[in-house]
Amino acid sequence: MPTGVASLTDRLLPHLFPTLSATAFTATVDRAVEIERPPPERRSNRATALAALGDLDRQNFFGSRARIRLAVVFTDGESVPFNLGELRSLLLRGRVALYFVHVWHPEDRVYGPRGERESYRPDRGSRDILERLAREVGGGVFGERELPAALA
């Protein structure tokens, strides 16, 4: 199945459009995907905007003949507030199903460039947000230790 790669902060940035090349996919993940790449346009405690997933419909991430439109999103699930109804409408119109791999732990912390601990605290409700979104548009949510189930 052709597979592509994109990054998500407060916008969705394509790195690799769908391809059958395992070499291109691996090289892109190894070299292009990093935390806060692209950097968010504004600084706050939450940089991710899950609403940007609506661009999966609007920005031609899938070819017009794609029968299956599936996005697998690795995320902590923490987002600035968004309009669930609007995002649901875009994804349903584009026939895009979302599967999330929830990469999260209650002891996660963020450190600045000099090693100083920032004020970030993990959002315990983040999985609930992902589950609701997946229910609304089709898909599912898996924990980071549930990769075999996610692959199935």
Protein backbone atom coordinates (compact mmCIF):
# COMPACT_ATOMS: atom_id res chain seq x y z
CA MET A 1 0.00 0.00 0.00
CA PRO A 2 1.45 3.42 -0.85
CA THR A 3 2.52 5.15 2.36
CA GLY A 4 3.46 8.78 3.02
CA VAL A 5 4.86 10.77 5.94
CA ALA A 6 3.80 14.11 7.43
CA SER A 7 4.54 16.05 10.62
CA LEU A 8 1.93 17.73 12.78
CA THR A 9 2.29 20.72 15.08
CA ASP A 10 -0.17 23.55 14.49
CA ARG A 11 -0.17 22.64 10.80
CA LEU A 12 0.33 19.52 8.73
CA LEU A 13 3.56 19.37 6.74
CA PRO A 14 4.04 16.66 4.11
CA HIS A 15 7.50 15.13 3.97
CA LEU A 16 6.74 12.25 1.60
CA PHE A 17 3.65 11.73 -0.48
CA PRO A 18 2.39 8.14 -0.76
CA THR A 19 4.94 5.80 -2.29
CA LEU A 20 5.62 2.08 -2.47
CA SER A 21 9.32 2.67 -1.79
CA ALA A 22 10.29 1.31 1.64
CA THR A 23 13.68 3.00 1.21
CA ALA A 24 12.12 6.43 0.68
CA PHE A 25 9.78 5.92 3.63
CA THR A 26 12.58 4.83 6.00
CA ALA A 27 14.94 7.61 4.90
CA THR A 28 12.20 10.21 5.38
CA VAL A 29 11.32 9.02 8.87
CA ASP A 30 15.00 8.80 9.84
CA ARG A 31 16.00 12.20 8.47
CA ALA A 32 12.97 14.47 8.32
CA VAL A 33 10.76 13.70 11.31
CA GLU A 34 11.68 15.46 14.55
CA ILE A 35 9.92 17.05 17.50
CA GLU A 36 8.44 20.44 16.60
CA ARG A 37 9.34 20.08 12.93
CA PRO A 38 7.80 22.17 11.61
CA PRO A 39 8.11 24.53 14.57
CA PRO A 40 4.74 25.89 15.70
CA GLU A 41 3.82 29.37 14.55
CA ARG A 42 3.10 30.43 18.12
CA ARG A 43 4.55 29.45 21.47
CA SER A 44 2.33 28.11 24.24
CA ASN A 45 2.12 25.11 26.55
CA ARG A 46 0.37 23.24 23.74
CA ALA A 47 1.83 23.43 20.25
CA THR A 48 -0.21 20.71 18.57
CA ALA A 49 -3.46 21.56 16.83
CA LEU A 50 -5.34 18.36 16.00
CA ALA A 51 -7.63 20.51 13.83
CA ALA A 52 -4.79 20.59 11.29
CA LEU A 53 -5.64 16.95 10.51
CA GLY A 54 -8.48 18.42 8.43
CA ASP A 55 -5.82 19.21 5.83
CA LEU A 56 -5.73 15.49 5.05
CA ASP A 57 -8.89 16.22 3.08
CA ARG A 58 -8.11 19.75 1.88
CA GLN A 59 -4.47 19.42 0.77
CA ASN A 60 -4.54 16.34 -1.50
CA PHE A 61 -2.55 14.04 0.78
CA PHE A 62 -4.33 11.14 -0.92
CA GLY A 63 -4.64 10.56 -4.64
CA SER A 64 -8.08 11.05 -6.17
CA ARG A 65 -8.36 7.31 -6.86
CA ALA A 66 -7.32 6.18 -3.37
CA ARG A 67 -9.91 3.71 -2.13
CA ILE A 68 -8.52 3.53 1.39
CA ARG A 69 -7.60 6.79 3.10
CA LEU A 70 -6.00 6.03 6.40
CA ALA A 71 -3.82 8.19 8.65
CA VAL A 72 -1.81 6.76 11.52
CA VAL A 73 -0.92 9.54 13.94
CA PHE A 74 1.72 9.12 16.65
CA THR A 75 0.84 11.72 19.29
CA ASP A 76 0.57 12.51 22.97
CA GLY A 77 -2.98 13.59 22.12
CA GLU A 78 -2.55 17.02 23.65
CA SER A 79 -3.97 19.81 21.52
CA VAL A 80 -5.07 23.38 21.57
CA PRO A 81 -8.89 23.49 21.55
CA PHE A 82 -10.52 22.68 18.23
CA ASN A 83 -13.96 22.36 16.68
CA LEU A 84 -14.66 18.63 16.62
CA GLY A 85 -17.69 19.02 14.35
CA GLU A 86 -15.72 20.92 11.71
CA LEU A 87 -12.83 18.43 11.79
CA ARG A 88 -15.25 15.51 11.66
CA SER A 89 -16.98 17.02 8.63
CA LEU A 90 -13.70 17.48 6.73
CA LEU A 91 -12.43 13.98 7.47
CA LEU A 92 -15.74 12.30 6.64
CA ARG A 93 -15.97 14.25 3.38
CA GLY A 94 -12.45 13.12 2.52
CA ARG A 95 -13.19 9.54 3.65
CA VAL A 96 -10.15 9.65 5.97
CA ALA A 97 -10.04 7.24 8.93
CA LEU A 98 -7.73 8.12 11.83
CA TYR A 99 -5.78 5.66 13.92
CA PHE A 100 -3.82 7.10 16.81
CA VAL A 101 -0.83 5.65 18.63
CA HIS A 102 -0.99 7.42 21.98
CA VAL A 103 2.60 8.11 23.03
CA TRP A 104 2.12 9.31 26.58
CA HIS A 105 3.14 8.70 30.18
CA PRO A 106 2.08 10.57 33.35
CA GLU A 107 5.74 11.18 34.25
CA ASP A 108 6.67 12.73 30.87
CA ARG A 109 8.51 16.05 31.18
CA VAL A 110 9.89 18.64 28.78
CA TYR A 111 13.37 20.10 29.16
CA GLY A 112 14.72 23.30 27.65
CA PRO A 113 17.90 23.59 25.56
CA ARG A 114 20.05 23.97 28.69
CA GLY A 115 18.45 21.01 30.45
CA GLU A 116 16.12 23.04 32.64
CA ARG A 117 12.73 21.47 33.35
CA GLU A 118 9.84 23.37 31.80
CA SER A 119 6.41 23.77 33.43
CA TYR A 120 4.78 21.15 31.18
CA ARG A 121 2.61 18.47 32.79
CA PRO A 122 0.97 15.65 30.78
CA ASP A 123 -2.75 16.01 30.14
CA ARG A 124 -4.50 12.99 31.64
CA GLY A 125 -7.53 13.57 29.40
CA SER A 126 -5.60 13.39 26.15
CA ARG A 127 -6.52 9.78 25.38
CA ASP A 128 -10.22 10.59 25.83
CA ILE A 129 -9.92 13.30 23.16
CA LEU A 130 -8.29 10.85 20.73
CA GLU A 131 -10.90 8.15 21.41
CA ARG A 132 -13.75 10.57 20.79
CA LEU A 133 -12.19 11.80 17.54
CA ALA A 134 -11.53 8.23 16.34
CA ARG A 135 -15.14 7.26 17.14
CA GLU A 136 -16.45 10.26 15.21
CA VAL A 137 -14.51 9.63 11.99
CA GLY A 138 -13.74 5.91 12.11
CA GLY A 139 -10.50 4.49 13.38
CA GLY A 140 -9.08 3.68 16.78
CA VAL A 141 -6.61 4.48 19.52
CA PHE A 142 -3.73 2.31 20.69
CA GLY A 143 -1.17 2.83 23.42
CA GLU A 144 2.49 2.92 22.53
CA ARG A 145 2.86 -0.58 24.00
CA GLU A 146 0.03 -1.90 21.80
CA LEU A 147 1.84 -1.77 18.47
CA PRO A 148 1.04 -5.39 17.51
CA ALA A 149 -2.67 -4.62 17.96
CA ALA A 150 -2.30 -1.37 16.01
CA LEU A 151 -0.60 -3.19 13.15
CA ALA A 152 -3.34 -5.82 13.07
